[in-house]
Amino acid sequence: MIKQAFACLILNKKVMDLLLAFDVGNTNIVMGIFKGKKLLHSFRISTDRDKTSDEYGMLINQLFEYNGLKLKDVDAVIISSVVPPLMHTLESMTIKYCNTKPLIVGPGIKTGINIKYDNPKEVGADRIVNAVAAYEIYGGPVIVIDFGTATTFCAISKNCEYLGGIIAPGLAISADALFQRTAKLPKIELTKPPTVICKNTVASMQSGIIYGHVGMVDYIVSRMKEEFAPNAYVVATGGFAKMIAEESKTINTVNDMLTLEGLRIIYERNVD
């Protein structure tokens, strides 16, 4: 009996020796390599629904080798995805190249958070992962803003309840819509102009999209605080988080690795 218990401890230690975490978004796939609780490396690649499991395997293997690691040394994998067509591809890739079946964030998985949505299955896996990480790191009540393809807001209570949130068009979607739906407006780079009032078309578009987004963020956060917790801590993550946080009056901190940390936390809870 003692030998069996000791063997289980050794197995769990090995499982957490090298963890590969996938956050699959509509635009990018963010990967993190954890050794225990320490994030060793993180990578960002384009989400490509047409890539095969072998193509993803070769690409990820190159990233590993560049950083002095081997894909075959991965002991465990966890995947959070909002792109269903890629799930089978990535699952097949991890089985073939990592020799392990991934843990998928979805219904039935242990998260430690009570979801108060009308239909909990509708909540995106990335939003749940962010909520888990934010509550674990910052406590509650907390508001999470994720600046991805869409800009999402999530409210988590002091009792670790996912109360709901908001989904709004992201900055890139807004910029693409202006370019595609107008005859003269060009495709622009999303950089912040030095002033709100601008003297050329490109800067004027940048001002409208970026500062307009800042205004949206501050107004929505203010309304969220009125509705559920005036003292809620506000954490931002995602590709445009730092740029918006520089101008926002309501964002308390930026955590670029929030989703990856959430994946690690969820994996640990399910292993235990």
C-alpha atoms as a PDB file:
ATOM      1  CA  MET A   1       0.000   0.000   0.000  1.00  0.00           C
ATOM      2  CA  ILE A   2       2.812   2.384   0.907  1.00  0.00           C
ATOM      3  CA  LYS A   3       4.639   1.490  -2.301  1.00  0.00           C
ATOM      4  CA  GLN A   4       1.516   2.242  -4.356  1.00  0.00           C
ATOM      5  CA  ALA A   5       1.070   5.640  -2.690  1.00  0.00           C
ATOM      6  CA  PHE A   6       4.727   6.454  -3.275  1.00  0.00           C
ATOM      7  CA  ALA A   7       4.396   5.427  -6.939  1.00  0.00           C
ATOM      8  CA  CYS A   8       1.415   7.764  -7.324  1.00  0.00           C
ATOM      9  CA  LEU A   9       3.446  10.661  -5.917  1.00  0.00           C
ATOM     10  CA  ILE A  10       6.255   9.950  -8.364  1.00  0.00           C
ATOM     11  CA  LEU A  11       3.760   9.768 -11.255  1.00  0.00           C
ATOM     12  CA  ASN A  12       2.141  13.105 -10.361  1.00  0.00           C
ATOM     13  CA  LYS A  13       5.552  14.736 -10.047  1.00  0.00           C
ATOM     14  CA  LYS A  14       6.483  13.488 -13.505  1.00  0.00           C
ATOM     15  CA  VAL A  15       3.176  14.629 -15.006  1.00  0.00           C
ATOM     16  CA  MET A  16       3.852  18.174 -13.849  1.00  0.00           C
ATOM     17  CA  ASP A  17       7.514  18.024 -14.883  1.00  0.00           C
ATOM     18  CA  LEU A  18       6.874  19.594 -18.302  1.00  0.00           C
ATOM     19  CA  LEU A  19       3.397  20.880 -19.147  1.00  0.00           C
ATOM     20  CA  LEU A  20       2.482  22.265 -22.572  1.00  0.00           C
ATOM     21  CA  ALA A  21      -0.527  24.626 -22.482  1.00  0.00           C
ATOM     22  CA  PHE A  22      -2.465  25.747 -25.575  1.00  0.00           C
ATOM     23  CA  ASP A  23      -4.747  28.772 -25.691  1.00  0.00           C
ATOM     24  CA  VAL A  24      -6.369  28.548 -29.139  1.00  0.00           C
ATOM     25  CA  GLY A  25      -7.974  31.812 -30.238  1.00  0.00           C
ATOM     26  CA  ASN A  26      -9.567  32.880 -33.497  1.00  0.00           C
ATOM     27  CA  THR A  27      -6.495  34.860 -34.549  1.00  0.00           C
ATOM     28  CA  ASN A  28      -3.573  33.354 -32.630  1.00  0.00           C
ATOM     29  CA  ILE A  29      -2.567  30.249 -30.731  1.00  0.00           C
ATOM     30  CA  VAL A  30      -0.611  31.069 -27.574  1.00  0.00           C
ATOM     31  CA  MET A  31       1.482  28.263 -26.083  1.00  0.00           C
ATOM     32  CA  GLY A  32       3.238  28.052 -22.758  1.00  0.00           C
ATOM     33  CA  ILE A  33       5.748  25.549 -21.408  1.00  0.00           C
ATOM     34  CA  PHE A  34       5.637  25.076 -17.639  1.00  0.00           C
ATOM     35  CA  LYS A  35       8.056  23.273 -15.399  1.00  0.00           C
ATOM     36  CA  GLY A  36       6.063  22.942 -12.227  1.00  0.00           C
ATOM     37  CA  LYS A  37       4.595  26.394 -11.568  1.00  0.00           C
ATOM     38  CA  LYS A  38       7.290  28.220 -13.542  1.00  0.00           C
ATOM     39  CA  LEU A  39       6.571  29.402 -17.083  1.00  0.00           C
ATOM     40  CA  LEU A  40       9.727  28.618 -19.040  1.00  0.00           C
ATOM     41  CA  HIS A  41       8.714  29.871 -22.489  1.00  0.00           C
ATOM     42  CA  SER A  42       5.703  31.202 -24.342  1.00  0.00           C
ATOM     43  CA  PHE A  43       5.043  31.317 -28.084  1.00  0.00           C
ATOM     44  CA  ARG A  44       2.436  32.901 -30.330  1.00  0.00           C
ATOM     45  CA  ILE A  45       1.592  31.501 -33.774  1.00  0.00           C
ATOM     46  CA  SER A  46      -1.206  32.244 -36.238  1.00  0.00           C
ATOM     47  CA  THR A  47      -4.366  30.177 -35.991  1.00  0.00           C
ATOM     48  CA  ASP A  48      -4.649  28.217 -39.230  1.00  0.00           C
ATOM     49  CA  ARG A  49      -7.643  25.920 -39.577  1.00  0.00           C
ATOM     50  CA  ASP A  50      -6.135  24.335 -42.711  1.00  0.00           C
ATOM     51  CA  LYS A  51      -2.928  23.094 -41.091  1.00  0.00           C
ATOM     52  CA  THR A  52      -2.672  19.359 -40.445  1.00  0.00           C
ATOM     53  CA  SER A  53      -1.585  17.748 -37.193  1.00  0.00           C
ATOM     54  CA  ASP A  54       1.812  16.987 -38.742  1.00  0.00           C
ATOM     55  CA  GLU A  55       2.287  20.592 -39.867  1.00  0.00           C
ATOM     56  CA  TYR A  56       1.526  21.856 -36.374  1.00  0.00           C
ATOM     57  CA  GLY A  57       3.794  19.169 -34.945  1.00  0.00           C
ATOM     58  CA  MET A  58       6.734  20.227 -37.110  1.00  0.00           C
ATOM     59  CA  LEU A  59       6.187  23.931 -36.397  1.00  0.00           C
ATOM     60  CA  ILE A  60       5.957  23.457 -32.636  1.00  0.00           C
ATOM     61  CA  ASN A  61       8.909  21.063 -32.682  1.00  0.00           C
ATOM     62  CA  GLN A  62      11.043  23.782 -34.331  1.00  0.00           C
ATOM     63  CA  LEU A  63      10.064  26.278 -31.617  1.00  0.00           C
ATOM     64  CA  PHE A  64      11.019  23.736 -28.963  1.00  0.00           C
ATOM     65  CA  GLU A  65      14.379  22.952 -30.551  1.00  0.00           C
ATOM     66  CA  TYR A  66      15.188  26.656 -30.927  1.00  0.00           C
ATOM     67  CA  ASN A  67      14.804  26.971 -27.140  1.00  0.00           C
ATOM     68  CA  GLY A  68      16.805  23.844 -26.353  1.00  0.00           C
ATOM     69  CA  LEU A  69      13.799  21.617 -25.634  1.00  0.00           C
ATOM     70  CA  LYS A  70      12.354  18.470 -27.162  1.00  0.00           C
ATOM     71  CA  LEU A  71       8.679  18.033 -27.913  1.00  0.00           C
ATOM     72  CA  LYS A  72       8.842  14.362 -26.969  1.00  0.00           C
ATOM     73  CA  ASP A  73       9.878  15.375 -23.423  1.00  0.00           C
ATOM     74  CA  VAL A  74       6.472  16.961 -22.764  1.00  0.00           C
ATOM     75  CA  ASP A  75       4.724  14.982 -20.023  1.00  0.00           C
ATOM     76  CA  ALA A  76       1.268  16.571 -20.155  1.00  0.00           C
ATOM     77  CA  VAL A  77      -0.817  18.851 -22.378  1.00  0.00           C
ATOM     78  CA  ILE A  78      -3.859  21.036 -21.705  1.00  0.00           C
ATOM     79  CA  ILE A  79      -5.862  22.814 -24.414  1.00  0.00           C
ATOM     80  CA  SER A  80      -8.361  25.655 -24.236  1.00  0.00           C
ATOM     81  CA  SER A  81      -9.947  26.458 -27.599  1.00  0.00           C
ATOM     82  CA  VAL A  82     -12.649  28.658 -29.112  1.00  0.00           C
ATOM     83  CA  VAL A  83     -11.993  27.164 -32.565  1.00  0.00           C
ATOM     84  CA  PRO A  84     -13.735  23.742 -32.624  1.00  0.00           C
ATOM     85  CA  PRO A  85     -12.335  22.642 -36.037  1.00  0.00           C
ATOM     86  CA  LEU A  86      -8.804  22.686 -34.578  1.00  0.00           C
ATOM     87  CA  MET A  87      -9.516  20.495 -31.578  1.00  0.00           C
ATOM     88  CA  HIS A  88      -9.121  17.160 -33.390  1.00  0.00           C
ATOM     89  CA  THR A  89      -6.001  18.440 -35.184  1.00  0.00           C
ATOM     90  CA  LEU A  90      -4.228  19.501 -31.996  1.00  0.00           C
ATOM     91  CA  GLU A  91      -5.352  16.439 -30.080  1.00  0.00           C
ATOM     92  CA  SER A  92      -3.942  14.191 -32.816  1.00  0.00           C
ATOM     93  CA  MET A  93      -0.728  16.214 -32.826  1.00  0.00           C
ATOM     94  CA  THR A  94      -0.154  15.856 -29.087  1.00  0.00           C
ATOM     95  CA  ILE A  95      -0.877  12.123 -29.159  1.00  0.00           C
ATOM     96  CA  LYS A  96       1.583  11.583 -32.018  1.00  0.00           C
ATOM     97  CA  TYR A  97       4.386  13.984 -31.083  1.00  0.00           C
ATOM     98  CA  CYS A  98       4.065  14.169 -27.279  1.00  0.00           C
ATOM     99  CA  ASN A  99       2.771  10.644 -26.757  1.00  0.00           C
ATOM    100  CA  THR A 100       0.080  11.957 -24.407  1.00  0.00           C
ATOM    101  CA  LYS A 101      -3.645  12.619 -24.629  1.00  0.00           C
ATOM    102  CA  PRO A 102      -4.415  16.274 -23.844  1.00  0.00           C
ATOM    103  CA  LEU A 103      -6.745  17.544 -21.152  1.00  0.00           C
ATOM    104  CA  ILE A 104      -9.438  19.630 -22.869  1.00  0.00           C
ATOM    105  CA  VAL A 105     -11.043  22.563 -21.058  1.00  0.00           C
ATOM    106  CA  GLY A 106     -14.770  21.981 -21.402  1.00  0.00           C
ATOM    107  CA  PRO A 107     -17.887  20.623 -19.670  1.00  0.00           C
ATOM    108  CA  GLY A 108     -17.093  18.274 -16.826  1.00  0.00           C
ATOM    109  CA  ILE A 109     -13.605  19.589 -16.114  1.00  0.00           C
ATOM    110  CA  LYS A 110     -12.771  20.800 -12.591  1.00  0.00           C
ATOM    111  CA  THR A 111     -12.250  24.569 -12.551  1.00  0.00           C
ATOM    112  CA  GLY A 112     -13.201  25.527  -8.999  1.00  0.00           C
ATOM    113  CA  ILE A 113     -15.470  28.300 -10.274  1.00  0.00           C
ATOM    114  CA  ASN A 114     -19.274  28.381 -10.062  1.00  0.00           C
ATOM    115  CA  ILE A 115     -20.704  29.494 -13.418  1.00  0.00           C
ATOM    116  CA  LYS A 116     -23.920  31.514 -13.078  1.00  0.00           C
ATOM    117  CA  TYR A 117     -24.535  31.867 -16.825  1.00  0.00           C
ATOM    118  CA  ASP A 118     -28.026  30.913 -18.092  1.00  0.00           C
ATOM    119  CA  ASN A 119     -26.359  28.141 -20.085  1.00  0.00           C
ATOM    120  CA  PRO A 120     -22.861  27.457 -18.698  1.00  0.00           C
ATOM    121  CA  LYS A 121     -21.906  25.575 -21.892  1.00  0.00           C
ATOM    122  CA  GLU A 122     -22.120  28.852 -23.832  1.00  0.00           C
ATOM    123  CA  VAL A 123     -19.242  30.451 -21.937  1.00  0.00           C
ATOM    124  CA  GLY A 124     -16.023  30.361 -23.963  1.00  0.00           C
ATOM    125  CA  ALA A 125     -13.264  28.184 -22.546  1.00  0.00           C
ATOM    126  CA  ASP A 126     -10.836  31.109 -22.643  1.00  0.00           C
ATOM    127  CA  ARG A 127     -13.163  33.230 -20.478  1.00  0.00           C
ATOM    128  CA  ILE A 128     -13.434  30.484 -17.861  1.00  0.00           C
ATOM    129  CA  VAL A 129      -9.659  29.988 -17.842  1.00  0.00           C
ATOM    130  CA  ASN A 130      -9.089  33.730 -17.405  1.00  0.00           C
ATOM    131  CA  ALA A 131     -11.634  33.851 -14.576  1.00  0.00           C
ATOM    132  CA  VAL A 132      -9.926  30.977 -12.753  1.00  0.00           C
ATOM    133  CA  ALA A 133      -6.514  32.633 -13.017  1.00  0.00           C
ATOM    134  CA  ALA A 134      -7.734  36.108 -12.055  1.00  0.00           C
ATOM    135  CA  TYR A 135      -9.513  34.855  -8.930  1.00  0.00           C
ATOM    136  CA  GLU A 136      -6.551  32.681  -7.927  1.00  0.00           C
ATOM    137  CA  ILE A 137      -4.024  35.523  -8.362  1.00  0.00           C
ATOM    138  CA  TYR A 138      -5.993  38.659  -7.412  1.00  0.00           C
ATOM    139  CA  GLY A 139      -8.944  37.349  -5.425  1.00  0.00           C
ATOM    140  CA  GLY A 140     -12.495  38.584  -5.838  1.00  0.00           C
ATOM    141  CA  PRO A 141     -14.445  40.517  -6.795  1.00  0.00           C
ATOM    142  CA  VAL A 142     -12.503  40.900 -10.033  1.00  0.00           C
ATOM    143  CA  ILE A 143     -13.195  42.011 -13.594  1.00  0.00           C
ATOM    144  CA  VAL A 144     -11.214  40.452 -16.437  1.00  0.00           C
ATOM    145  CA  ILE A 145     -10.879  42.215 -19.795  1.00  0.00           C
ATOM    146  CA  ASP A 146      -9.420  40.154 -22.643  1.00  0.00           C
ATOM    147  CA  PHE A 147      -8.348  42.137 -25.708  1.00  0.00           C
ATOM    148  CA  GLY A 148      -8.411  39.462 -28.392  1.00  0.00           C
ATOM    149  CA  THR A 149     -10.303  39.099 -31.666  1.00  0.00           C
ATOM    150  CA  ALA A 150     -13.263  40.179 -29.558  1.00  0.00           C
ATOM    151  CA  THR A 151     -12.934  42.284 -26.421  1.00  0.00           C
ATOM    152  CA  THR A 152     -14.575  40.414 -23.564  1.00  0.00           C
ATOM    153  CA  PHE A 153     -15.417  41.501 -20.020  1.00  0.00           C
ATOM    154  CA  CYS A 154     -16.004  38.955 -17.246  1.00  0.00           C
ATOM    155  CA  ALA A 155     -17.296  39.530 -13.712  1.00  0.00           C
ATOM    156  CA  ILE A 156     -16.200  37.188 -10.914  1.00  0.00           C
ATOM    157  CA  SER A 157     -17.660  37.640  -7.426  1.00  0.00           C
ATOM    158  CA  LYS A 158     -15.863  37.497  -4.086  1.00  0.00           C
ATOM    159  CA  ASN A 159     -17.274  33.961  -3.695  1.00  0.00           C
ATOM    160  CA  CYS A 160     -15.627  32.731  -6.919  1.00  0.00           C
ATOM    161  CA  GLU A 161     -18.815  32.881  -8.988  1.00  0.00           C
ATOM    162  CA  TYR A 162     -18.668  33.637 -12.708  1.00  0.00           C
ATOM    163  CA  LEU A 163     -21.546  36.118 -12.944  1.00  0.00           C
ATOM    164  CA  GLY A 164     -21.415  36.853 -16.678  1.00  0.00           C
ATOM    165  CA  GLY A 165     -19.986  39.572 -18.859  1.00  0.00           C
ATOM    166  CA  ILE A 166     -19.882  41.450 -22.138  1.00  0.00           C
ATOM    167  CA  ILE A 167     -18.642  40.619 -25.637  1.00  0.00           C
ATOM    168  CA  ALA A 168     -17.701  43.524 -27.913  1.00  0.00           C
ATOM    169  CA  PRO A 169     -15.897  43.796 -31.288  1.00  0.00           C
ATOM    170  CA  GLY A 170     -12.125  43.816 -30.862  1.00  0.00           C
ATOM    171  CA  LEU A 171      -9.811  46.513 -32.165  1.00  0.00           C
ATOM    172  CA  ALA A 172      -8.700  44.499 -35.208  1.00  0.00           C
ATOM    173  CA  ILE A 173     -12.300  43.689 -36.154  1.00  0.00           C
ATOM    174  CA  SER A 174     -13.204  47.387 -35.931  1.00  0.00           C
ATOM    175  CA  ALA A 175     -10.260  48.390 -38.108  1.00  0.00           C
ATOM    176  CA  ASP A 176     -11.036  45.710 -40.706  1.00  0.00           C
ATOM    177  CA  ALA A 177     -14.699  46.752 -40.815  1.00  0.00           C
ATOM    178  CA  LEU A 178     -13.770  50.365 -41.601  1.00  0.00           C
ATOM    179  CA  PHE A 179     -11.444  49.217 -44.387  1.00  0.00           C
ATOM    180  CA  GLN A 180     -13.831  46.686 -45.913  1.00  0.00           C
ATOM    181  CA  ARG A 181     -17.064  48.683 -45.694  1.00  0.00           C
ATOM    182  CA  THR A 182     -15.808  52.051 -46.961  1.00  0.00           C
ATOM    183  CA  ALA A 183     -14.560  53.051 -50.393  1.00  0.00           C
ATOM    184  CA  LYS A 184     -11.701  55.362 -49.450  1.00  0.00           C
ATOM    185  CA  LEU A 185     -10.508  54.426 -45.985  1.00  0.00           C
ATOM    186  CA  PRO A 186      -7.243  52.416 -46.025  1.00  0.00           C
ATOM    187  CA  LYS A 187      -6.135  49.375 -44.032  1.00  0.00           C
ATOM    188  CA  ILE A 188      -4.195  50.689 -41.036  1.00  0.00           C
ATOM    189  CA  GLU A 189      -1.751  49.573 -38.391  1.00  0.00           C
ATOM    190  CA  LEU A 190      -3.173  49.694 -34.870  1.00  0.00           C
ATOM    191  CA  THR A 191      -0.788  52.105 -33.198  1.00  0.00           C
ATOM    192  CA  LYS A 192      -1.760  54.911 -30.846  1.00  0.00           C
ATOM    193  CA  PRO A 193      -1.554  58.458 -32.284  1.00  0.00           C
ATOM    194  CA  PRO A 194      -0.127  61.135 -29.943  1.00  0.00           C
ATOM    195  CA  THR A 195      -3.316  63.208 -29.975  1.00  0.00           C
ATOM    196  CA  VAL A 196      -7.040  62.520 -30.201  1.00  0.00           C
ATOM    197  CA  ILE A 197      -7.576  65.243 -32.808  1.00  0.00           C
ATOM    198  CA  CYS A 198      -5.620  64.168 -35.890  1.00  0.00           C
ATOM    199  CA  LYS A 199      -4.720  65.864 -39.179  1.00  0.00           C
ATOM    200  CA  ASN A 200      -4.638  62.902 -41.601  1.00  0.00           C
ATOM    201  CA  THR A 201      -6.895  59.977 -42.442  1.00  0.00           C
ATOM    202  CA  VAL A 202      -4.743  57.159 -41.035  1.00  0.00           C
ATOM    203  CA  ALA A 203      -4.148  58.874 -37.687  1.00  0.00           C
ATOM    204  CA  SER A 204      -7.829  59.850 -37.494  1.00  0.00           C
ATOM    205  CA  MET A 205      -8.851  56.210 -37.936  1.00  0.00           C
ATOM    206  CA  GLN A 206      -6.313  55.093 -35.330  1.00  0.00           C
ATOM    207  CA  SER A 207      -7.596  57.720 -32.914  1.00  0.00           C
ATOM    208  CA  GLY A 208     -11.221  56.719 -33.381  1.00  0.00           C
ATOM    209  CA  ILE A 209     -10.579  53.008 -32.964  1.00  0.00           C
ATOM    210  CA  ILE A 210      -8.089  53.113 -30.087  1.00  0.00           C
ATOM    211  CA  TYR A 211      -9.361  56.040 -28.011  1.00  0.00           C
ATOM    212  CA  GLY A 212     -12.921  54.994 -28.777  1.00  0.00           C
ATOM    213  CA  HIS A 213     -12.069  51.563 -27.374  1.00  0.00           C
ATOM    214  CA  VAL A 214     -10.606  53.179 -24.250  1.00  0.00           C
ATOM    215  CA  GLY A 215     -13.841  55.084 -23.745  1.00  0.00           C
ATOM    216  CA  MET A 216     -15.861  51.887 -24.193  1.00  0.00           C
ATOM    217  CA  VAL A 217     -13.686  50.026 -21.674  1.00  0.00           C
ATOM    218  CA  ASP A 218     -13.933  52.704 -18.998  1.00  0.00           C
ATOM    219  CA  TYR A 219     -17.691  53.109 -19.402  1.00  0.00           C
ATOM    220  CA  ILE A 220     -18.422  49.356 -19.335  1.00  0.00           C
ATOM    221  CA  VAL A 221     -16.171  48.777 -16.316  1.00  0.00           C
ATOM    222  CA  SER A 222     -17.864  51.643 -14.473  1.00  0.00           C
ATOM    223  CA  ARG A 223     -21.288  50.157 -15.191  1.00  0.00           C
ATOM    224  CA  MET A 224     -20.118  46.666 -14.146  1.00  0.00           C
ATOM    225  CA  LYS A 225     -18.857  48.036 -10.832  1.00  0.00           C
ATOM    226  CA  GLU A 226     -22.210  49.761 -10.251  1.00  0.00           C
ATOM    227  CA  GLU A 227     -24.068  46.508 -10.888  1.00  0.00           C
ATOM    228  CA  PHE A 228     -22.037  44.042  -8.837  1.00  0.00           C
ATOM    229  CA  ALA A 229     -18.993  45.361  -6.939  1.00  0.00           C
ATOM    230  CA  PRO A 230     -17.734  48.960  -6.622  1.00  0.00           C
ATOM    231  CA  ASN A 231     -14.384  47.677  -5.309  1.00  0.00           C
ATOM    232  CA  ALA A 232     -13.776  45.097  -8.063  1.00  0.00           C
ATOM    233  CA  TYR A 233     -10.150  44.769  -9.144  1.00  0.00           C
ATOM    234  CA  VAL A 234      -9.672  45.100 -12.922  1.00  0.00           C
ATOM    235  CA  VAL A 235      -7.093  43.009 -14.780  1.00  0.00           C
ATOM    236  CA  ALA A 236      -6.470  43.154 -18.529  1.00  0.00           C
ATOM    237  CA  THR A 237      -4.892  40.577 -20.800  1.00  0.00           C
ATOM    238  CA  GLY A 238      -4.530  39.950 -24.538  1.00  0.00           C
ATOM    239  CA  GLY A 239      -2.587  41.462 -27.404  1.00  0.00           C
ATOM    240  CA  PHE A 240      -3.790  45.064 -27.065  1.00  0.00           C
ATOM    241  CA  ALA A 241      -4.041  45.161 -23.266  1.00  0.00           C
ATOM    242  CA  LYS A 242      -0.956  47.293 -22.599  1.00  0.00           C
ATOM    243  CA  MET A 243      -1.857  49.903 -25.210  1.00  0.00           C
ATOM    244  CA  ILE A 244      -5.392  50.352 -23.877  1.00  0.00           C
ATOM    245  CA  ALA A 245      -4.298  50.217 -20.230  1.00  0.00           C
ATOM    246  CA  GLU A 246      -1.940  53.154 -20.805  1.00  0.00           C
ATOM    247  CA  GLU A 247      -4.965  55.379 -21.467  1.00  0.00           C
ATOM    248  CA  SER A 248      -7.628  53.697 -19.349  1.00  0.00           C
ATOM    249  CA  LYS A 249      -8.659  55.093 -15.965  1.00  0.00           C
ATOM    250  CA  THR A 250     -10.204  51.830 -14.750  1.00  0.00           C
ATOM    251  CA  ILE A 251      -7.663  49.065 -15.514  1.00  0.00           C
ATOM    252  CA  ASN A 252      -5.575  48.237 -12.431  1.00  0.00           C
ATOM    253  CA  THR A 253      -3.043  45.857 -13.965  1.00  0.00           C
ATOM    254  CA  VAL A 254      -2.041  43.994 -17.129  1.00  0.00           C
ATOM    255  CA  ASN A 255      -1.176  40.298 -17.050  1.00  0.00           C
ATOM    256  CA  ASP A 256      -0.087  39.006 -20.463  1.00  0.00           C
ATOM    257  CA  MET A 257       0.209  35.426 -19.204  1.00  0.00           C
ATOM    258  CA  LEU A 258      -3.167  35.272 -17.424  1.00  0.00           C
ATOM    259  CA  THR A 259      -4.683  32.614 -19.702  1.00  0.00           C
ATOM    260  CA  LEU A 260      -1.614  30.388 -19.613  1.00  0.00           C
ATOM    261  CA  GLU A 261      -1.506  30.617 -15.815  1.00  0.00           C
ATOM    262  CA  GLY A 262      -5.177  29.696 -15.729  1.00  0.00           C
ATOM    263  CA  LEU A 263      -4.507  26.615 -17.831  1.00  0.00           C
ATOM    264  CA  ARG A 264      -1.757  25.536 -15.451  1.00  0.00           C
ATOM    265  CA  ILE A 265      -4.032  26.025 -12.434  1.00  0.00           C
ATOM    266  CA  ILE A 266      -6.860  24.034 -14.018  1.00  0.00           C
ATOM    267  CA  TYR A 267      -4.484  21.242 -14.971  1.00  0.00           C
ATOM    268  CA  GLU A 268      -3.185  21.014 -11.408  1.00  0.00           C
ATOM    269  CA  ARG A 269      -6.723  20.856 -10.012  1.00  0.00           C
ATOM    270  CA  ASN A 270      -7.650  18.015 -12.331  1.00  0.00           C
ATOM    271  CA  VAL A 271      -4.452  16.070 -11.692  1.00  0.00           C
ATOM    272  CA  ASP A 272      -5.034  16.349  -7.950  1.00  0.00           C
END
